[in-house]
C-alpha atoms as a PDB file:
ATOM      1  CA  MET A   1      -5.388 -23.720 -35.278  1.00  0.00           C
ATOM      2  CA  LYS A   2      -2.927 -23.815 -32.884  1.00  0.00           C
ATOM      3  CA  LYS A   3      -3.912 -25.603 -29.507  1.00  0.00           C
ATOM      4  CA  PHE A   4      -3.331 -25.058 -26.234  1.00  0.00           C
ATOM      5  CA  MET A   5      -4.071 -28.149 -22.950  1.00  0.00           C
ATOM      6  CA  LEU A   6      -5.455 -26.890 -20.457  1.00  0.00           C
ATOM      7  CA  HIS A   7      -4.915 -29.084 -16.992  1.00  0.00           C
ATOM      8  CA  THR A   8      -7.736 -28.073 -14.037  1.00  0.00           C
ATOM      9  CA  ALA A   9      -8.802 -29.249 -10.847  1.00  0.00           C
ATOM     10  CA  VAL A  10     -12.303 -29.283 -12.514  1.00  0.00           C
ATOM     11  CA  CYS A  11     -11.991 -32.911 -14.726  1.00  0.00           C
ATOM     12  CA  LEU A  12      -8.442 -35.029 -14.154  1.00  0.00           C
ATOM     13  CA  PHE A  13      -7.890 -35.933 -18.312  1.00  0.00           C
ATOM     14  CA  ALA A  14      -6.664 -33.604 -21.120  1.00  0.00           C
ATOM     15  CA  LEU A  15      -8.654 -29.597 -21.995  1.00  0.00           C
ATOM     16  CA  PHE A  16      -7.991 -28.032 -25.041  1.00  0.00           C
ATOM     17  CA  ILE A  17      -8.106 -23.856 -25.641  1.00  0.00           C
ATOM     18  CA  PHE A  18      -8.663 -23.182 -28.846  1.00  0.00           C
ATOM     19  CA  VAL A  19      -6.828 -20.354 -30.327  1.00  0.00           C
ATOM     20  CA  ALA A  20      -8.910 -17.909 -32.235  1.00  0.00           C
ATOM     21  CA  CYS A  21      -6.682 -17.187 -35.343  1.00  0.00           C
ATOM     22  CA  SER A  22       2.555  14.283 -27.899  1.00  0.00           C
ATOM     23  CA  LYS A  23       0.985  16.951 -26.010  1.00  0.00           C
ATOM     24  CA  ASP A  24       2.889  19.753 -24.306  1.00  0.00           C
ATOM     25  CA  GLY A  25       1.656  21.887 -21.620  1.00  0.00           C
ATOM     26  CA  ALA A  26       1.987  22.037 -18.343  1.00  0.00           C
ATOM     27  CA  GLU A  27       0.553  19.329 -15.584  1.00  0.00           C
ATOM     28  CA  GLY A  28      -3.274  18.732 -15.021  1.00  0.00           C
ATOM     29  CA  SER A  29      -4.883  19.696 -12.017  1.00  0.00           C
ATOM     30  CA  GLY A  30      -4.264  18.621  -8.994  1.00  0.00           C
ATOM     31  CA  PRO A  31      -5.011  19.346  -4.615  1.00  0.00           C
ATOM     32  CA  ASP A  32      -7.633  21.506  -2.674  1.00  0.00           C
ATOM     33  CA  GLY A  33     -10.573  20.574  -5.645  1.00  0.00           C
ATOM     34  CA  LEU A  34      -8.920  21.440  -8.128  1.00  0.00           C
ATOM     35  CA  TYR A  35      -9.474  17.779  -9.538  1.00  0.00           C
ATOM     36  CA  PRO A  36     -11.748  17.894 -12.846  1.00  0.00           C
ATOM     37  CA  SER A  37     -15.360  17.139 -11.571  1.00  0.00           C
ATOM     38  CA  ASP A  38     -15.338  13.823 -13.911  1.00  0.00           C
ATOM     39  CA  LEU A  39     -12.551  12.183 -11.548  1.00  0.00           C
ATOM     40  CA  LYS A  40     -14.750  10.377  -9.360  1.00  0.00           C
ATOM     41  CA  GLY A  41     -14.475   6.887  -7.017  1.00  0.00           C
ATOM     42  CA  THR A  42     -11.239   6.502  -4.649  1.00  0.00           C
ATOM     43  CA  ILE A  43      -8.205   5.139  -4.966  1.00  0.00           C
ATOM     44  CA  TYR A  44      -6.743   2.954  -2.552  1.00  0.00           C
ATOM     45  CA  TYR A  45      -2.809   2.147  -2.462  1.00  0.00           C
ATOM     46  CA  LYS A  46      -0.406   0.309  -0.909  1.00  0.00           C
ATOM     47  CA  TRP A  47       2.795   2.581   0.842  1.00  0.00           C
ATOM     48  CA  ALA A  48       5.714   0.948   2.655  1.00  0.00           C
ATOM     49  CA  ARG A  49       4.807   1.721   7.065  1.00  0.00           C
ATOM     50  CA  ASP A  50       2.331   3.322   6.270  1.00  0.00           C
ATOM     51  CA  GLY A  51      -0.035   0.416   4.519  1.00  0.00           C
ATOM     52  CA  ILE A  52      -3.016   0.892   2.507  1.00  0.00           C
ATOM     53  CA  LEU A  53      -3.399   4.647   1.967  1.00  0.00           C
ATOM     54  CA  LYS A  54      -7.052   6.300   0.185  1.00  0.00           C
ATOM     55  CA  ILE A  55      -7.368   9.529  -1.570  1.00  0.00           C
ATOM     56  CA  SER A  56     -10.948  10.331  -2.649  1.00  0.00           C
ATOM     57  CA  LEU A  57     -12.147  11.347  -6.063  1.00  0.00           C
ATOM     58  CA  PRO A  58     -12.855  14.381  -7.132  1.00  0.00           C
ATOM     59  CA  ASP A  59     -12.143  16.623  -3.587  1.00  0.00           C
ATOM     60  CA  GLY A  60      -8.672  14.945  -3.041  1.00  0.00           C
ATOM     61  CA  THR A  61      -9.128  14.187   0.910  1.00  0.00           C
ATOM     62  CA  GLY A  62      -6.897  11.329   1.739  1.00  0.00           C
ATOM     63  CA  GLY A  63      -6.415   8.778   4.897  1.00  0.00           C
ATOM     64  CA  SER A  64      -5.200   5.729   6.129  1.00  0.00           C
ATOM     65  CA  PHE A  65      -7.460   2.336   5.159  1.00  0.00           C
ATOM     66  CA  ILE A  66      -6.147  -0.343   6.518  1.00  0.00           C
ATOM     67  CA  GLN A  67      -2.931   0.138   8.999  1.00  0.00           C
ATOM     68  CA  ASP A  68       0.088  -1.586   8.087  1.00  0.00           C
ATOM     69  CA  ASP A  69       0.333  -5.719   8.651  1.00  0.00           C
ATOM     70  CA  ASP A  70       2.636  -8.082   7.703  1.00  0.00           C
ATOM     71  CA  LYS A  71      -0.092 -10.830   8.070  1.00  0.00           C
ATOM     72  CA  ILE A  72      -2.210  -9.126   5.274  1.00  0.00           C
ATOM     73  CA  ASN A  73      -1.535 -10.361   2.309  1.00  0.00           C
ATOM     74  CA  ASN A  74      -3.708  -8.513  -0.121  1.00  0.00           C
ATOM     75  CA  PHE A  75      -6.747  -6.806  -0.008  1.00  0.00           C
ATOM     76  CA  ASP A  76      -9.856  -5.853  -2.682  1.00  0.00           C
ATOM     77  CA  ILE A  77     -13.022  -4.075  -3.229  1.00  0.00           C
ATOM     78  CA  SER A  78     -16.190  -4.763  -4.630  1.00  0.00           C
ATOM     79  CA  ARG A  79     -16.679  -2.726  -7.930  1.00  0.00           C
ATOM     80  CA  ASP A  80     -19.324  -1.098  -6.434  1.00  0.00           C
ATOM     81  CA  GLY A  81     -17.261  -0.091  -3.660  1.00  0.00           C
ATOM     82  CA  LYS A  82     -19.523  -1.553  -0.598  1.00  0.00           C
ATOM     83  CA  TRP A  83     -17.794  -4.446   0.705  1.00  0.00           C
ATOM     84  CA  LYS A  84     -14.356  -4.951   1.541  1.00  0.00           C
ATOM     85  CA  LEU A  85     -12.334  -8.440   0.953  1.00  0.00           C
ATOM     86  CA  THR A  86      -9.521  -8.773   3.354  1.00  0.00           C
ATOM     87  CA  VAL A  87      -7.030 -11.985   2.454  1.00  0.00           C
ATOM     88  CA  VAL A  88      -4.760 -12.451   5.636  1.00  0.00           C
ATOM     89  CA  ASN A  89      -1.827 -15.091   6.705  1.00  0.00           C
ATOM     90  CA  ALA A  90      -3.188 -16.705   9.927  1.00  0.00           C
ATOM     91  CA  SER A  91      -1.471 -19.720   9.979  1.00  0.00           C
ATOM     92  CA  ARG A  92       0.138 -21.586  12.978  1.00  0.00           C
ATOM     93  CA  ILE A  93       2.330 -25.013  13.709  1.00  0.00           C
ATOM     94  CA  TYR A  94       0.611 -27.543  11.779  1.00  0.00           C
ATOM     95  CA  HIS A  95      -1.880 -25.164  10.425  1.00  0.00           C
ATOM     96  CA  ASP A  96      -1.078 -23.904   7.036  1.00  0.00           C
ATOM     97  CA  ASP A  97      -4.194 -21.451   6.953  1.00  0.00           C
ATOM     98  CA  VAL A  98      -4.768 -18.271   4.821  1.00  0.00           C
ATOM     99  CA  ARG A  99      -8.237 -16.524   6.231  1.00  0.00           C
ATOM    100  CA  PHE A 100     -10.392 -14.642   3.846  1.00  0.00           C
ATOM    101  CA  THR A 101     -13.340 -12.021   5.376  1.00  0.00           C
ATOM    102  CA  ILE A 102     -15.422 -10.228   2.995  1.00  0.00           C
ATOM    103  CA  SER A 103     -16.633  -7.092   5.130  1.00  0.00           C
ATOM    104  CA  ASP A 104     -18.822  -3.772   4.349  1.00  0.00           C
ATOM    105  CA  ILE A 105     -16.797  -0.587   4.095  1.00  0.00           C
ATOM    106  CA  ASN A 106     -19.127   0.851   5.779  1.00  0.00           C
ATOM    107  CA  ASN A 107     -19.308  -0.662   9.432  1.00  0.00           C
ATOM    108  CA  GLY A 108     -17.057  -3.204   9.285  1.00  0.00           C
ATOM    109  CA  SER A 109     -19.736  -6.406   9.427  1.00  0.00           C
ATOM    110  CA  VAL A 110     -18.946  -9.809   8.174  1.00  0.00           C
ATOM    111  CA  VAL A 111     -19.981 -10.985   5.125  1.00  0.00           C
ATOM    112  CA  GLU A 112     -18.300 -14.039   4.932  1.00  0.00           C
ATOM    113  CA  GLU A 113     -14.902 -15.455   6.145  1.00  0.00           C
ATOM    114  CA  PHE A 114     -14.162 -18.874   5.564  1.00  0.00           C
ATOM    115  CA  ILE A 115     -10.673 -20.060   6.159  1.00  0.00           C
ATOM    116  CA  TYR A 116      -8.968 -21.658   3.124  1.00  0.00           C
ATOM    117  CA  ASN A 117      -5.505 -24.068   2.314  1.00  0.00           C
ATOM    118  CA  SER A 118      -4.318 -24.464  -0.808  1.00  0.00           C
ATOM    119  CA  PRO A 119      -2.438 -27.283  -1.929  1.00  0.00           C
ATOM    120  CA  LYS A 120       0.224 -27.216  -1.659  1.00  0.00           C
ATOM    121  CA  GLY A 121       0.629 -25.418   1.696  1.00  0.00           C
ATOM    122  CA  ASN A 122       1.270 -22.283   0.397  1.00  0.00           C
ATOM    123  CA  VAL A 123      -0.013 -19.294   3.645  1.00  0.00           C
ATOM    124  CA  TYR A 124       0.501 -16.752   0.956  1.00  0.00           C
ATOM    125  CA  CYS A 125      -2.340 -16.276  -1.143  1.00  0.00           C
ATOM    126  CA  LYS A 126      -3.810 -13.022  -2.724  1.00  0.00           C
ATOM    127  CA  GLY A 127      -7.801 -12.987  -3.892  1.00  0.00           C
ATOM    128  CA  TYR A 128      -9.663 -11.225  -5.842  1.00  0.00           C
ATOM    129  CA  LEU A 129     -14.185 -10.176  -6.063  1.00  0.00           C
ATOM    130  CA  SER A 130     -15.736 -11.357  -9.043  1.00  0.00           C
ATOM    131  CA  PRO A 131     -17.515  -8.062 -10.334  1.00  0.00           C
ATOM    132  CA  ASP A 132     -20.862 -10.063  -9.498  1.00  0.00           C
ATOM    133  CA  ASN A 133     -19.288 -10.285  -5.408  1.00  0.00           C
ATOM    134  CA  ASN A 134     -20.241 -13.918  -5.928  1.00  0.00           C
ATOM    135  CA  PHE A 135     -16.921 -15.867  -6.469  1.00  0.00           C
ATOM    136  CA  ILE A 136     -13.489 -15.267  -5.514  1.00  0.00           C
ATOM    137  CA  LEU A 137      -9.830 -15.933  -7.819  1.00  0.00           C
ATOM    138  CA  VAL A 138      -6.985 -16.706  -5.921  1.00  0.00           C
ATOM    139  CA  THR A 139      -3.949 -16.542  -6.840  1.00  0.00           C
ATOM    140  CA  SER A 140      -0.623 -18.321  -4.833  1.00  0.00           C
ATOM    141  CA  ASN A 141       3.031 -18.034  -5.466  1.00  0.00           C
ATOM    142  CA  ASP A 142       3.063 -21.592  -6.071  1.00  0.00           C
ATOM    143  CA  TRP A 143       4.206 -23.372  -9.038  1.00  0.00           C
ATOM    144  CA  ASN A 144       1.486 -26.149  -7.870  1.00  0.00           C
ATOM    145  CA  ASP A 145      -1.000 -24.453  -6.305  1.00  0.00           C
ATOM    146  CA  GLY A 146      -2.559 -22.823  -9.661  1.00  0.00           C
ATOM    147  CA  ILE A 147      -5.171 -20.897 -10.113  1.00  0.00           C
ATOM    148  CA  THR A 148      -8.425 -20.902  -7.918  1.00  0.00           C
ATOM    149  CA  VAL A 149     -11.576 -19.866  -8.766  1.00  0.00           C
ATOM    150  CA  LEU A 150     -13.715 -20.545  -4.827  1.00  0.00           C
ATOM    151  CA  LYS A 151     -17.627 -19.416  -4.608  1.00  0.00           C
ATOM    152  CA  ARG A 152     -17.738 -16.690  -1.836  1.00  0.00           C
ATOM    153  CA  ASN A 153     -18.409 -18.884   0.516  1.00  0.00           C
ATOM    154  CA  GLY A 154     -15.197 -20.242   0.131  1.00  0.00           C
ATOM    155  CA  GLU A 155     -16.615 -23.564  -1.694  1.00  0.00           C
ATOM    156  CA  PHE A 156     -13.798 -24.811  -4.331  1.00  0.00           C
ATOM    157  CA  VAL A 157     -15.218 -24.518  -8.414  1.00  0.00           C
ATOM    158  CA  ALA A 158     -11.874 -24.748 -10.098  1.00  0.00           C
ATOM    159  CA  ARG A 159      -8.538 -25.244 -10.828  1.00  0.00           C
ATOM    160  CA  ILE A 160      -6.026 -24.246 -13.274  1.00  0.00           C
ATOM    161  CA  ALA A 161      -3.081 -26.104 -12.731  1.00  0.00           C
ATOM    162  CA  GLU A 162      -0.906 -26.167 -16.294  1.00  0.00           C
ATOM    163  CA  ILE A 163      -1.279 -24.807 -19.671  1.00  0.00           C
ATOM    164  CA  ASN A 164      -0.248 -27.860 -22.080  1.00  0.00           C
ATOM    165  CA  GLU A 165       1.793 -28.963 -19.913  1.00  0.00           C
ATOM    166  CA  GLU A 166       2.831 -26.155 -18.548  1.00  0.00           C
ATOM    167  CA  ARG A 167       2.580 -24.970 -15.339  1.00  0.00           C
ATOM    168  CA  ILE A 168       1.303 -21.188 -15.201  1.00  0.00           C
ATOM    169  CA  ASP A 169       3.502 -17.993 -14.885  1.00  0.00           C
ATOM    170  CA  ILE A 170       2.456 -17.743 -11.290  1.00  0.00           C
ATOM    171  CA  LYS A 171       5.283 -14.185 -11.362  1.00  0.00           C
ATOM    172  CA  GLY A 172       1.667 -13.066 -14.620  1.00  0.00           C
ATOM    173  CA  SER A 173      -1.486 -10.804 -14.199  1.00  0.00           C
ATOM    174  CA  VAL A 174      -5.074 -13.124 -13.421  1.00  0.00           C
ATOM    175  CA  LEU A 175      -7.521 -10.472 -13.689  1.00  0.00           C
ATOM    176  CA  TRP A 176     -11.937 -10.971 -13.855  1.00  0.00           C
ATOM    177  CA  LEU A 177     -13.878 -10.098 -16.889  1.00  0.00           C
ATOM    178  CA  PRO A 178     -17.586  -9.439 -16.709  1.00  0.00           C
ATOM    179  CA  ASP A 179     -19.473 -12.388 -16.795  1.00  0.00           C
ATOM    180  CA  ASN A 180     -16.872 -13.779 -14.400  1.00  0.00           C
ATOM    181  CA  HIS A 181     -14.394 -14.425 -17.516  1.00  0.00           C
ATOM    182  CA  VAL A 182     -10.603 -14.792 -15.684  1.00  0.00           C
ATOM    183  CA  LEU A 183      -8.468 -13.172 -18.356  1.00  0.00           C
ATOM    184  CA  MET A 184      -4.256 -13.719 -17.930  1.00  0.00           C
ATOM    185  CA  THR A 185      -1.206 -13.899 -19.100  1.00  0.00           C
ATOM    186  CA  HIS A 186       1.113 -17.337 -20.097  1.00  0.00           C
ATOM    187  CA  GLY A 187       4.396 -16.915 -21.556  1.00  0.00           C
ATOM    188  CA  ASN A 188       3.907 -15.106 -24.356  1.00  0.00           C
ATOM    189  CA  TYR A 189       0.194 -15.341 -25.028  1.00  0.00           C
ATOM    190  CA  ILE A 190      -3.086 -13.160 -23.252  1.00  0.00           C
ATOM    191  CA  ILE A 191      -5.781 -15.460 -22.632  1.00  0.00           C
ATOM    192  CA  ARG A 192      -9.179 -15.722 -21.931  1.00  0.00           C
ATOM    193  CA  VAL A 193     -10.913 -18.521 -20.319  1.00  0.00           C
ATOM    194  CA  ALA A 194     -14.525 -18.606 -19.474  1.00  0.00           C
ATOM    195  CA  PRO A 195     -16.789 -20.361 -17.529  1.00  0.00           C
ATOM    196  CA  PRO A 196     -16.664 -23.404 -16.135  1.00  0.00           C
ATOM    197  CA  TYR A 197     -12.979 -22.781 -16.469  1.00  0.00           C
ATOM    198  CA  THR A 198     -12.115 -25.713 -18.723  1.00  0.00           C
ATOM    199  CA  SER A 199     -11.957 -23.607 -22.115  1.00  0.00           C
ATOM    200  CA  GLY A 200     -10.510 -20.641 -23.038  1.00  0.00           C
ATOM    201  CA  SER A 201      -9.457 -18.578 -26.370  1.00  0.00           C
ATOM    202  CA  LEU A 202      -6.402 -16.548 -27.490  1.00  0.00           C
ATOM    203  CA  VAL A 203      -6.883 -12.733 -27.152  1.00  0.00           C
ATOM    204  CA  LYS A 204      -3.682 -11.574 -28.494  1.00  0.00           C
ATOM    205  CA  GLU A 205      -0.211 -13.111 -28.486  1.00  0.00           C
ATOM    206  CA  MET A 206       2.782 -10.538 -27.215  1.00  0.00           C
ATOM    207  CA  ASN A 207       5.607 -10.610 -29.518  1.00  0.00           C
ATOM    208  CA  TYR A 208       8.057  -8.263 -27.068  1.00  0.00           C
ATOM    209  CA  GLN A 209      11.237  -8.977 -24.723  1.00  0.00           C
ATOM    210  CA  ASP A 210       9.348  -7.902 -21.754  1.00  0.00           C
ATOM    211  CA  TRP A 211       5.821  -7.117 -20.673  1.00  0.00           C
ATOM    212  CA  GLY A 212       3.837  -7.169 -18.309  1.00  0.00           C
ATOM    213  CA  ASN A 213       1.426  -5.683 -16.573  1.00  0.00           C
ATOM    214  CA  LEU A 214      -1.701  -6.145 -17.138  1.00  0.00           C
ATOM    215  CA  GLY A 215      -5.401  -3.884 -15.981  1.00  0.00           C
ATOM    216  CA  VAL A 216      -8.779  -3.753 -17.557  1.00  0.00           C
ATOM    217  CA  ASN A 217     -11.237  -1.503 -17.371  1.00  0.00           C
ATOM    218  CA  GLN A 218     -14.882  -2.347 -15.697  1.00  0.00           C
ATOM    219  CA  ALA A 219     -16.861  -2.385 -19.143  1.00  0.00           C
ATOM    220  CA  GLY A 220     -14.309  -4.848 -19.681  1.00  0.00           C
ATOM    221  CA  THR A 221     -13.635  -4.000 -23.147  1.00  0.00           C
ATOM    222  CA  GLN A 222     -10.189  -2.629 -23.191  1.00  0.00           C
ATOM    223  CA  LEU A 223      -7.066  -3.099 -21.675  1.00  0.00           C
ATOM    224  CA  ALA A 224      -3.602  -1.643 -20.351  1.00  0.00           C
ATOM    225  CA  ILE A 225      -0.382  -2.920 -20.153  1.00  0.00           C
ATOM    226  CA  ARG A 226       3.390  -2.165 -20.162  1.00  0.00           C
ATOM    227  CA  ILE A 227       5.233  -2.651 -22.874  1.00  0.00           C
ATOM    228  CA  GLY A 228       8.677  -2.304 -22.385  1.00  0.00           C
ATOM    229  CA  LYS A 229       9.350   1.136 -20.208  1.00  0.00           C
ATOM    230  CA  HIS A 230       6.213   2.586 -21.102  1.00  0.00           C
ATOM    231  CA  VAL A 231       2.190   2.324 -20.952  1.00  0.00           C
ATOM    232  CA  HIS A 232       0.353   0.902 -23.740  1.00  0.00           C
ATOM    233  CA  THR A 233      -3.814  -0.050 -23.940  1.00  0.00           C
ATOM    234  CA  MET A 234      -5.792  -2.061 -26.891  1.00  0.00           C
ATOM    235  CA  ASN A 235      -8.551  -3.581 -27.642  1.00  0.00           C
ATOM    236  CA  ILE A 236      -9.793  -6.509 -24.946  1.00  0.00           C
ATOM    237  CA  ASP A 237      -9.944  -7.871 -28.594  1.00  0.00           C
ATOM    238  CA  GLY A 238      -6.195  -7.099 -29.005  1.00  0.00           C
ATOM    239  CA  THR A 239      -5.944  -4.881 -31.417  1.00  0.00           C
ATOM    240  CA  ASN A 240      -5.895  -1.166 -31.324  1.00  0.00           C
ATOM    241  CA  LEU A 241      -2.515  -0.976 -29.420  1.00  0.00           C
ATOM    242  CA  LYS A 242      -1.271   2.459 -28.904  1.00  0.00           C
ATOM    243  CA  GLN A 243       1.602   3.742 -26.312  1.00  0.00           C
ATOM    244  CA  VAL A 244      -0.068   6.405 -24.034  1.00  0.00           C
ATOM    245  CA  THR A 245       2.221   7.404 -21.240  1.00  0.00           C
ATOM    246  CA  THR A 246       5.855   8.632 -22.710  1.00  0.00           C
ATOM    247  CA  SER A 247       9.268   9.461 -20.347  1.00  0.00           C
ATOM    248  CA  ASN A 248      13.172   9.254 -19.772  1.00  0.00           C
ATOM    249  CA  PHE A 249      11.779   6.595 -17.384  1.00  0.00           C
ATOM    250  CA  ASN A 250       9.043   4.083 -16.760  1.00  0.00           C
ATOM    251  CA  GLU A 251       6.032   3.528 -16.043  1.00  0.00           C
ATOM    252  CA  SER A 252       4.315   1.050 -14.799  1.00  0.00           C
ATOM    253  CA  VAL A 253       0.850  -0.189 -12.329  1.00  0.00           C
ATOM    254  CA  PRO A 254      -2.204   1.058 -14.944  1.00  0.00           C
ATOM    255  CA  ILE A 255      -5.143   1.049 -12.967  1.00  0.00           C
ATOM    256  CA  PHE A 256      -8.473   1.653 -14.962  1.00  0.00           C
ATOM    257  CA  SER A 257     -10.470   4.664 -12.888  1.00  0.00           C
ATOM    258  CA  PRO A 258     -14.272   2.442 -12.953  1.00  0.00           C
ATOM    259  CA  ASP A 259     -15.286   5.178 -15.956  1.00  0.00           C
ATOM    260  CA  GLY A 260     -12.542   3.677 -17.574  1.00  0.00           C
ATOM    261  CA  LYS A 261     -12.465   8.103 -18.990  1.00  0.00           C
ATOM    262  CA  TYR A 262      -9.199   8.013 -16.505  1.00  0.00           C
ATOM    263  CA  LEU A 263      -5.384   5.651 -16.598  1.00  0.00           C
ATOM    264  CA  LEU A 264      -3.474   5.691 -12.766  1.00  0.00           C
ATOM    265  CA  VAL A 265      -0.166   5.515 -14.071  1.00  0.00           C
ATOM    266  CA  GLY A 266       2.964   4.746 -11.458  1.00  0.00           C
ATOM    267  CA  SER A 267       5.276   6.675 -13.316  1.00  0.00           C
ATOM    268  CA  ASP A 268       8.894   6.843 -12.638  1.00  0.00           C
ATOM    269  CA  TYR A 269       8.909   3.173 -11.907  1.00  0.00           C
ATOM    270  CA  ARG A 270      12.265   2.463 -10.223  1.00  0.00           C
ATOM    271  CA  GLN A 271      13.302  -0.339  -8.147  1.00  0.00           C
ATOM    272  CA  THR A 272      14.649  -0.174  -5.140  1.00  0.00           C
ATOM    273  CA  GLY A 273      16.289  -3.419  -3.957  1.00  0.00           C
ATOM    274  CA  PRO A 274      16.147  -7.323  -5.355  1.00  0.00           C
ATOM    275  CA  PHE A 275      13.132  -7.454  -5.256  1.00  0.00           C
ATOM    276  CA  GLY A 276      10.622  -3.367  -4.873  1.00  0.00           C
ATOM    277  CA  TYR A 277       9.335  -1.062  -6.519  1.00  0.00           C
ATOM    278  CA  VAL A 278       8.287   2.469  -5.937  1.00  0.00           C
ATOM    279  CA  TRP A 279       6.277   4.772  -7.981  1.00  0.00           C
ATOM    280  CA  ASP A 280       4.698   7.647  -8.620  1.00  0.00           C
ATOM    281  CA  LEU A 281       1.133   8.167  -8.938  1.00  0.00           C
ATOM    282  CA  LYS A 282      -0.081  10.454 -11.350  1.00  0.00           C
ATOM    283  CA  ILE A 283      -3.694  10.431 -13.007  1.00  0.00           C
ATOM    284  CA  ILE A 284      -4.233  10.219 -17.664  1.00  0.00           C
ATOM    285  CA  PRO A 285      -6.648  10.799 -19.515  1.00  0.00           C
ATOM    286  CA  ASN A 286      -8.167   7.742 -21.649  1.00  0.00           C
ATOM    287  CA  ASP A 287      -8.054   9.238 -24.524  1.00  0.00           C
ATOM    288  CA  GLY A 288      -6.173   7.358 -26.890  1.00  0.00           C
ATOM    289  CA  GLY A 289      -2.907  10.593 -26.739  1.00  0.00           C
ATOM    290  CA  LYS A 290       0.488  10.128 -25.113  1.00  0.00           C
ATOM    291  CA  TYR A 291       1.295  11.911 -22.791  1.00  0.00           C
ATOM    292  CA  ASN A 292       4.891  12.661 -21.298  1.00  0.00           C
ATOM    293  CA  VAL A 293       4.866  11.930 -17.436  1.00  0.00           C
ATOM    294  CA  ASP A 294       8.210  12.311 -16.691  1.00  0.00           C
ATOM    295  CA  PRO A 295       9.138  13.409 -12.768  1.00  0.00           C
ATOM    296  CA  ILE A 296      12.113  15.994 -14.262  1.00  0.00           C
ATOM    297  CA  GLU A 297      10.737  17.448 -17.209  1.00  0.00           C
ATOM    298  CA  PRO A 298       7.069  19.017 -17.967  1.00  0.00           C
ATOM    299  CA  ASN A 299       4.726  16.632 -17.755  1.00  0.00           C
ATOM    300  CA  SER A 300       1.615  17.335 -20.759  1.00  0.00           C
ATOM    301  CA  SER A 301      -1.317  19.006 -20.541  1.00  0.00           C
ATOM    302  CA  GLY A 302      -4.113  17.387 -19.297  1.00  0.00           C
ATOM    303  CA  VAL A 303      -1.555  14.798 -16.867  1.00  0.00           C
ATOM    304  CA  ILE A 304      -2.950  14.763 -13.108  1.00  0.00           C
ATOM    305  CA  PRO A 305      -0.556  14.244  -9.903  1.00  0.00           C
ATOM    306  CA  VAL A 306      -2.256  12.479  -6.839  1.00  0.00           C
ATOM    307  CA  ILE A 307      -1.921  14.811  -4.779  1.00  0.00           C
ATOM    308  CA  TRP A 308      -3.791  15.037  -1.085  1.00  0.00           C
ATOM    309  CA  LYS A 309      -5.726  18.168  -0.328  1.00  0.00           C
ATOM    310  CA  GLY A 310      -4.095  20.095   1.621  1.00  0.00           C
ATOM    311  CA  LYS A 311      -0.651  18.840   0.808  1.00  0.00           C
ATOM    312  CA  ASP A 312       1.684  19.525  -1.600  1.00  0.00           C
ATOM    313  CA  LYS A 313       3.769  16.617  -2.790  1.00  0.00           C
ATOM    314  CA  ILE A 314       3.072  13.507  -4.678  1.00  0.00           C
ATOM    315  CA  GLU A 315       1.507   9.770  -3.229  1.00  0.00           C
ATOM    316  CA  LEU A 316       4.127   7.531  -3.803  1.00  0.00           C
ATOM    317  CA  GLY A 317       3.700   3.449  -4.126  1.00  0.00           C
ATOM    318  CA  ASP A 318       4.785   0.279  -4.316  1.00  0.00           C
ATOM    319  CA  GLY A 319       2.227  -2.203  -3.507  1.00  0.00           C
ATOM    320  CA  GLN A 320      -1.020  -3.065  -5.009  1.00  0.00           C
ATOM    321  CA  MET A 321      -3.268   0.218  -6.373  1.00  0.00           C
ATOM    322  CA  VAL A 322      -7.316  -0.493  -6.505  1.00  0.00           C
ATOM    323  CA  TRP A 323      -9.763   2.314  -7.969  1.00  0.00           C
ATOM    324  CA  ARG A 324     -13.055   2.090  -7.592  1.00  0.00           C
END
């Protein structure tokens, strides 16, 4: 049985992670009340200097959510849609502060607020609310900061620094699962880490040259992932892998709808600079079928372009997307 060695800040000795061994037709519905009635929730997405935008479904009403601000590292929305988390670079001379604020999404009242200082003083940390809203998962773009779990008031819980004596991949995916388990990618592996975050198990070994952009449904039963140029889904145990998008271009950044019945995908995913990407927002049914989301050719029946009510142009994204 293969073993992973995991180093955390909870214990100063080695710990182990044990490994358990097409549809043709016209595009779908769009704006002006034509979204399917079972398409629910709100999609939040970043676009250029417009900041964080949102569209409510199924009515298609669009608007601004968070104004553009270079100091905002990221945001998150609680699973019930009631709380907003914002993570802000609040640094000043000799103080590498990152401010975490949880607020009521309707009236803006502050629920929790604290200052976080990463081990290496990185001010570009990001945060993600746990499914039960009791914890925050903190990531950093500094290799030495690891992955940190905090209570929602900022109290330290755990830090995963290394796996198999290798620093964790700061460019990999890190996601919450139900019961406050953490799903993360490392090398060629997708790994599940359970509280108290000192042991875990292998979900799947990914024997592909190019893959990433992992997503998980809220029930924690299904994963979406980019493999090569297209989006695939699979069960949480790594079985039943299926390709669900196709085109002459690239698709990426899959996000599940709150009920798991649909997938938001970035179609025509293209590079705009050394580090930047942009994509079209399209929705496909999560029924195991393969959907053509090409920007030029006719799309499969059931493909839904994300368009605001009263507009006729598909929405674009270039950063974080959340569907609650």
